[in-house]
Amino acid sequence: MKACFRLFLILTFSGVVACSNPNSDNSNTNTRCAQCGMPTEEFQAWRSKIISSNAVKHFCSPRCLFINSQAQGLAATDSVLVTDYYEQQWIDGRQAFYIIGSDVIGPMGHDLVPVATPQAAEEFMQEHQGKRILTFQQVNETVIKHLSIHSQH
């Protein structure tokens, strides 16, 4: 019985320490998308976030990030992070290249597929029948509406 209690204490303490580290990117946290409310941990390949001076907004996909940022606005000092399709690592969303119209479907349907380089964007276009490569600045309300229309069943 003492061994079970000790194990319980160790596991409980370990969980508290892991969850309390503000610098960790604990992808197992129960974070909800700031736009649609879906749990972001279920969509790690698509996760995105905006880090401002006073908050971090998590998103289940680049599409939700863009919908939110277009409605709420972005400050020049806000960091935008998206997950690179190939490397599955955080990349600067303002510098990323986004492919639309491909055969890759995100958690909310058709989405913007982020990659880090123009070469990766061209490779993705060939592999997944992408229609267009966009920069962060080129993703506007019309692009988002077009994605939404094609995602409806």
Foldseek 3Di string as FASTA:
>chain_A
DVVVVVVVVVVVVVVVVVVPPPPDPPLPDQAAAPQPGHGQSVQLLAKKWKDDPPDIGIHNHVLSVQVVCQVPPDDPPIFIWTQANPPSDTDGQQQWKWFFDWPDAGPQGTHTHTHRDPVVVVVCCVVTVTDDIDGPVPDDPVNSVVRVVRRDD
